[in-house]
Amino acid sequence: MICMTRHVSFSAGKVDWKKSVDLNADEAESDGQVPLATYGHNYGVDVTIQGEIDPRTGIVVNIKEIDRVLRERVIDRFDRKLIHVQAPEFAGRPITSESLATWIAQEIAENLPVGASLSKVRVAETPLVAAEWTLDQPSEPAVEQTIGAVVMRSTRVYEFAASHRLHSPHLTDEENRELFGKCNYASGHGHNYVLEITVEGPVDPRSARVICPDLLDKIVHREVVDRYDHRHFNVDIPEFESLIPSTEVVTKIIWERLVREIPPPARLSSVLIRETARNIFEYRGEA
C-alpha cells in the first residue's frame, strides 16, 4: 500500500459561538469558546490517499483527479468565505479544526476515484494549532470509510528554552567526550525546544473539539513549559537528577508528566520535540 499526500490551502473567516447550544456564559468560557468572536485563518489542509500501484501506469491514482476533488469539495467551498454564513452545513455549529477535518474527510472519501482510499486529513489553523482525522482501519469501497474506526487528533505547539549536559556516570570522562562531543562540555549547552503535544479522542458535540485548548495550554504550561523554560535540566529539575537529560529522555519524561493529566475521554497521543531543525524526537507511550 502506497500513501500520497496532497497539500492545499484556503483563507476563510469564522465565528465561534454557541447559538445552537444552551450554555451560560461561564460554561461557554470554560469550553474555550468566545461568543460572537469573528476572525479568520489561512488554513493548510493535507489529504493523504492510499492504494496499490497500478502496474499499467506505475501510479496509484491520477493526481489531477485528486486535485479536482480537492478544488471542488474544499477550495471552492471555503476559500475567501465566511464559513458559518456561506457554508450552510456549519450554520449554528462550532467551526474548529476538528469539525473541518471531519467534514472534509467525509466529502473527500465519498468522491475519490476508484482505486484510491482516504487515510488521513490534517487541518492546520495556524503553525501552532492543527487537528488530524485518521482512519485506523480502512475499508473498501472508499465511501464506507466514513463509518469506520476514526481517530481525531488535536495538536498544539509550545516553545521553551533550556540547557543540558550529556554525561553518563557509567562512562569514563574520555568515553563521555568521545560519545557526546561538544554536548559533554562541563557548562552544558542550550536549545530553543519546540514541543508538539497531540491529544486524541472523540469530538465533543458541544464544542466540536477533542479538548478545550485553554485547558490543554494550562496543563502543558504547568507540567512542562513553566517548569523547564530557562532552566538547566541537570541542575534545576528534580526529575533529571539521576537521568541523562538527552532529548530522548526529556521527551519520555514529558509524556510521563502529561499522560495522567489529560482529562478523559481525551488521551495523550504523542509528545514530539524538535531540538534543532535536524534533530526531532517523538514518544507515543509503551506499545
Protein backbone atom coordinates (compact mmCIF):
# COMPACT_ATOMS: atom_id res chain seq x y z
CA MET A 1 0.00 0.00 0.00
CA ILE A 2 1.40 3.39 -1.06
CA CYS A 3 0.40 6.67 0.55
CA MET A 4 0.35 10.02 -1.21
CA THR A 5 -0.32 13.38 0.44
CA ARG A 6 -1.57 16.48 -1.36
CA HIS A 7 -1.45 19.89 0.30
CA VAL A 8 -3.95 22.67 -0.38
CA SER A 9 -4.70 25.91 1.39
CA PHE A 10 -7.54 28.37 1.68
CA SER A 11 -8.38 31.54 3.59
CA ALA A 12 -11.68 31.73 5.42
CA GLY A 13 -13.43 33.56 8.22
CA LYS A 14 -15.49 32.06 11.01
CA VAL A 15 -17.47 32.89 14.12
CA ASP A 16 -17.04 30.96 17.35
CA TRP A 17 -20.43 30.90 19.00
CA LYS A 18 -22.87 28.70 20.90
CA LYS A 19 -26.15 29.73 19.35
CA SER A 20 -27.40 26.17 18.98
CA VAL A 21 -26.30 25.04 22.45
CA ASP A 22 -27.88 26.06 25.72
CA LEU A 23 -24.79 27.20 27.65
CA ASN A 24 -24.43 30.04 30.10
CA ALA A 25 -21.50 32.47 29.90
CA ASP A 26 -19.39 30.60 32.43
CA GLU A 27 -19.83 27.30 30.58
CA ALA A 28 -19.01 28.91 27.25
CA GLU A 29 -15.84 30.44 28.68
CA SER A 30 -14.69 27.16 30.25
CA ASP A 31 -15.37 25.39 26.97
CA GLY A 32 -12.87 27.58 25.17
CA GLN A 33 -15.45 29.48 23.13
CA VAL A 34 -15.73 33.25 22.85
CA PRO A 35 -19.30 34.13 21.85
CA LEU A 36 -19.55 36.08 18.58
CA ALA A 37 -15.77 36.30 18.11
CA THR A 38 -15.17 36.77 14.37
CA TYR A 39 -11.76 36.11 12.85
CA GLY A 40 -10.08 34.18 10.05
CA HIS A 41 -7.26 31.79 9.24
CA ASN A 42 -5.06 30.79 6.35
CA TYR A 43 -5.87 27.10 6.60
CA GLY A 44 -3.50 24.40 5.41
CA VAL A 45 -5.01 21.01 4.53
CA ASP A 46 -3.04 17.80 3.98
CA VAL A 47 -5.04 14.95 2.46
CA THR A 48 -3.41 11.52 2.42
CA ILE A 49 -4.62 8.96 -0.10
CA GLN A 50 -3.56 5.31 -0.16
CA GLY A 51 -3.78 2.49 -2.66
CA GLU A 52 -1.89 -0.05 -4.71
CA ILE A 53 0.36 0.86 -7.62
CA ASP A 54 -1.34 0.26 -10.97
CA PRO A 55 1.12 -1.89 -12.98
CA ARG A 56 -0.12 -0.30 -16.21
CA THR A 57 0.71 3.28 -15.16
CA GLY A 58 3.14 2.98 -12.26
CA ILE A 59 0.95 5.26 -10.10
CA VAL A 60 -1.80 4.80 -7.53
CA VAL A 61 -4.13 7.44 -8.91
CA ASN A 62 -4.05 10.37 -11.30
CA ILE A 63 -3.01 13.40 -9.24
CA LYS A 64 -5.17 15.59 -11.47
CA GLU A 65 -8.22 13.69 -10.25
CA ILE A 66 -7.24 14.24 -6.61
CA ASP A 67 -6.67 17.93 -7.27
CA ARG A 68 -10.07 18.19 -8.94
CA VAL A 69 -11.81 16.68 -5.90
CA LEU A 70 -9.90 18.96 -3.53
CA ARG A 71 -10.73 22.01 -5.59
CA GLU A 72 -14.44 21.21 -5.91
CA ARG A 73 -15.04 19.88 -2.41
CA VAL A 74 -12.69 22.03 -0.34
CA ILE A 75 -11.23 25.11 -2.02
CA ASP A 76 -14.36 26.23 -3.86
CA ARG A 77 -16.41 25.52 -0.75
CA PHE A 78 -14.40 27.59 1.74
CA ASP A 79 -11.83 29.88 0.13
CA ARG A 80 -12.43 33.58 0.89
CA LYS A 81 -15.75 32.85 2.53
CA LEU A 82 -17.33 33.37 5.93
CA ILE A 83 -17.91 29.74 6.74
CA HIS A 84 -20.94 29.87 9.01
CA VAL A 85 -22.78 32.12 6.52
CA GLN A 86 -21.72 30.68 3.15
CA ALA A 87 -21.43 27.02 4.12
CA PRO A 88 -24.89 26.05 5.45
CA GLU A 89 -23.58 22.78 6.92
CA PHE A 90 -21.80 24.84 9.57
CA ALA A 91 -24.62 27.24 10.40
CA GLY A 92 -25.01 27.30 14.19
CA ARG A 93 -22.15 24.81 14.67
CA PRO A 94 -18.74 25.44 16.23
CA ILE A 95 -16.15 25.75 13.47
CA THR A 96 -12.91 24.17 14.65
CA SER A 97 -10.02 22.32 13.07
CA GLU A 98 -11.65 19.11 14.27
CA SER A 99 -15.05 19.82 12.70
CA LEU A 100 -13.48 20.98 9.43
CA ALA A 101 -11.24 17.90 9.24
CA THR A 102 -14.23 15.61 9.83
CA TRP A 103 -16.35 17.34 7.18
CA ILE A 104 -13.53 17.41 4.64
CA ALA A 105 -12.83 13.71 5.24
CA GLN A 106 -16.47 12.87 4.57
CA GLU A 107 -16.51 14.87 1.34
CA ILE A 108 -13.21 13.52 0.05
CA ALA A 109 -13.91 9.87 0.93
CA GLU A 110 -17.19 9.91 -0.97
CA ASN A 111 -15.68 11.38 -4.14
CA LEU A 112 -12.33 9.67 -4.65
CA PRO A 113 -11.64 7.85 -7.92
CA VAL A 114 -11.68 4.06 -7.97
CA GLY A 115 -8.51 2.50 -6.56
CA ALA A 116 -7.83 5.23 -4.00
CA SER A 117 -8.95 5.34 -0.39
CA LEU A 118 -8.69 8.09 2.19
CA SER A 119 -6.18 7.57 5.01
CA LYS A 120 -5.77 10.92 6.74
CA VAL A 121 -6.89 14.56 6.72
CA ARG A 122 -4.91 17.19 8.62
CA VAL A 123 -6.23 20.74 9.01
CA ALA A 124 -3.91 23.42 10.40
CA GLU A 125 -5.44 26.73 11.52
CA THR A 126 -2.02 28.17 12.33
CA PRO A 127 1.52 26.79 12.58
CA LEU A 128 0.72 26.13 16.25
CA VAL A 129 -2.76 24.54 16.06
CA ALA A 130 -3.89 21.57 13.97
CA ALA A 131 -6.29 18.62 14.00
CA GLU A 132 -5.92 15.29 12.27
CA TRP A 133 -8.65 12.87 11.16
CA THR A 134 -7.26 9.36 10.75
CA LEU A 135 -8.90 6.18 9.61
CA ASP A 136 -7.06 3.44 11.51
CA GLN A 137 -8.64 0.53 9.66
CA PRO A 138 -9.52 1.47 6.09
CA SER A 139 -12.38 -0.34 4.43
CA GLU A 140 -13.50 -0.67 0.84
CA PRO A 141 -15.04 0.95 -1.03
CA ALA A 142 -13.86 4.43 -0.05
CA VAL A 143 -17.35 5.70 0.73
CA GLU A 144 -17.64 3.16 3.55
CA GLN A 145 -14.68 4.68 5.36
CA THR A 146 -16.84 7.38 6.87
CA ILE A 147 -18.30 4.82 9.27
CA GLY A 148 -15.01 3.07 10.03
CA ALA A 149 -12.74 3.31 13.04
CA VAL A 150 -11.97 7.04 13.01
CA VAL A 151 -9.48 8.73 15.32
CA MET A 152 -9.38 12.51 15.74
CA ARG A 153 -6.16 14.09 16.96
CA SER A 154 -5.56 17.68 18.02
CA THR A 155 -2.04 19.15 18.18
CA ARG A 156 -0.80 22.30 19.90
CA VAL A 157 2.73 23.65 19.73
CA TYR A 158 4.76 25.23 22.54
CA GLU A 159 8.30 26.53 22.98
CA PHE A 160 10.77 26.66 25.83
CA ALA A 161 14.49 27.34 26.15
CA ALA A 162 16.62 25.12 28.37
CA SER A 163 20.17 23.84 28.72
CA HIS A 164 21.62 20.42 29.45
CA ARG A 165 24.84 18.47 29.59
CA LEU A 166 25.13 14.95 28.26
CA HIS A 167 27.36 13.00 30.63
CA SER A 168 26.98 9.39 31.76
CA PRO A 169 28.26 8.28 35.19
CA HIS A 170 28.71 4.80 33.68
CA LEU A 171 31.42 6.03 31.30
CA THR A 172 34.88 7.48 31.84
CA ASP A 173 35.48 11.15 31.11
CA GLU A 174 37.28 10.17 27.93
CA GLU A 175 34.42 7.89 26.85
CA ASN A 176 31.91 10.67 27.54
CA ARG A 177 33.88 13.12 25.41
CA GLU A 178 34.16 10.57 22.65
CA LEU A 179 30.44 9.73 22.68
CA PHE A 180 28.85 13.15 23.27
CA GLY A 181 31.46 15.52 21.83
CA LYS A 182 30.53 19.19 22.33
CA CYS A 183 27.38 18.12 24.18
CA ASN A 184 29.67 16.99 27.02
CA TYR A 185 31.15 20.42 27.75
CA ALA A 186 31.17 20.96 31.51
CA SER A 187 28.91 24.03 31.47
CA GLY A 188 26.40 22.43 29.15
CA HIS A 189 24.68 24.00 26.17
CA GLY A 190 21.17 25.15 25.33
CA HIS A 191 18.36 24.73 22.83
CA ASN A 192 15.18 26.51 21.85
CA TYR A 193 12.95 23.45 22.07
CA VAL A 194 9.74 23.24 20.03
CA LEU A 195 7.24 20.96 21.76
CA GLU A 196 4.26 19.41 19.95
CA ILE A 197 1.58 17.85 22.16
CA THR A 198 -1.04 15.72 20.41
CA VAL A 199 -4.24 14.62 22.13
CA GLU A 200 -6.73 12.19 20.61
CA GLY A 201 -10.27 11.12 21.35
CA PRO A 202 -13.91 11.75 20.47
CA VAL A 203 -15.04 15.20 19.41
CA ASP A 204 -17.30 16.88 21.95
CA PRO A 205 -20.52 17.72 20.05
CA ARG A 206 -20.98 20.94 22.04
CA SER A 207 -17.56 22.44 21.35
CA ALA A 208 -16.51 20.42 18.25
CA ARG A 209 -13.14 19.88 19.95
CA VAL A 210 -11.19 16.91 21.29
CA ILE A 211 -10.10 19.01 24.27
CA CYS A 212 -10.55 22.63 25.29
CA PRO A 213 -7.38 24.37 24.04
CA ASP A 214 -7.23 26.64 27.09
CA LEU A 215 -7.31 23.61 29.36
CA LEU A 216 -4.55 21.85 27.42
CA ASP A 217 -2.45 25.02 27.50
CA LYS A 218 -2.88 25.24 31.26
CA ILE A 219 -1.79 21.62 31.76
CA VAL A 220 1.23 21.82 29.45
CA HIS A 221 2.45 25.11 30.91
CA ARG A 222 2.06 23.88 34.49
CA GLU A 223 3.68 20.49 33.95
CA VAL A 224 6.31 21.34 31.34
CA VAL A 225 6.85 24.81 29.94
CA ASP A 226 6.83 26.79 33.20
CA ARG A 227 8.99 24.12 34.87
CA TYR A 228 11.62 23.86 32.15
CA ASP A 229 11.82 27.27 30.50
CA HIS A 230 15.21 28.97 31.04
CA ARG A 231 16.36 26.15 33.33
CA HIS A 232 19.31 23.75 33.31
CA PHE A 233 17.99 20.18 33.24
CA ASN A 234 20.97 18.72 35.11
CA VAL A 235 20.91 21.34 37.85
CA ASP A 236 17.40 22.75 38.26
CA ILE A 237 14.92 19.95 37.50
CA PRO A 238 14.47 17.23 40.17
CA GLU A 239 13.25 14.51 37.80
CA PHE A 240 16.58 14.60 35.95
CA GLU A 241 18.86 14.31 38.98
CA SER A 242 19.60 10.65 38.25
CA LEU A 243 18.97 10.72 34.50
CA ILE A 244 20.98 11.76 31.46
CA PRO A 245 18.82 14.61 30.08
CA SER A 246 19.15 13.70 26.42
CA THR A 247 16.23 14.91 24.35
CA GLU A 248 15.13 11.28 24.03
CA VAL A 249 14.83 11.11 27.81
CA VAL A 250 13.25 14.57 28.08
CA THR A 251 10.60 13.55 25.56
CA LYS A 252 9.69 10.45 27.56
CA ILE A 253 9.64 12.33 30.88
CA ILE A 254 7.27 14.93 29.42
CA TRP A 255 4.96 12.08 28.35
CA GLU A 256 5.02 10.70 31.89
CA ARG A 257 4.20 14.14 33.34
CA LEU A 258 1.26 14.68 30.98
CA VAL A 259 -0.31 11.29 30.35
CA ARG A 260 -2.34 11.22 33.59
CA GLU A 261 -3.23 14.91 33.42
CA ILE A 262 -5.33 14.80 30.23
CA PRO A 263 -8.99 14.51 31.26
CA PRO A 264 -10.98 11.62 29.72
CA PRO A 265 -12.35 10.83 27.25
CA ALA A 266 -9.38 12.61 25.61
CA ARG A 267 -5.99 10.95 25.95
CA LEU A 268 -2.40 11.80 25.20
CA SER A 269 -1.39 10.55 21.75
CA SER A 270 2.20 11.73 21.30
CA VAL A 271 4.93 14.06 22.54
CA LEU A 272 7.27 15.40 19.87
CA ILE A 273 10.29 17.65 20.48
CA ARG A 274 12.21 19.50 17.78
CA GLU A 275 15.59 20.03 19.42
CA THR A 276 17.05 21.52 16.25
CA ALA A 277 15.91 21.64 12.63
CA ARG A 278 17.63 18.27 12.13
CA ASN A 279 17.02 16.53 15.49
CA ILE A 280 13.42 15.51 16.13
CA PHE A 281 12.23 13.07 18.81
CA GLU A 282 8.77 11.58 19.35
CA TYR A 283 7.28 9.30 22.01
CA ARG A 284 3.87 7.62 21.88
CA GLY A 285 3.93 5.57 25.06
CA GLU A 286 4.72 1.93 25.53
CA ALA A 287 3.45 -0.43 22.82
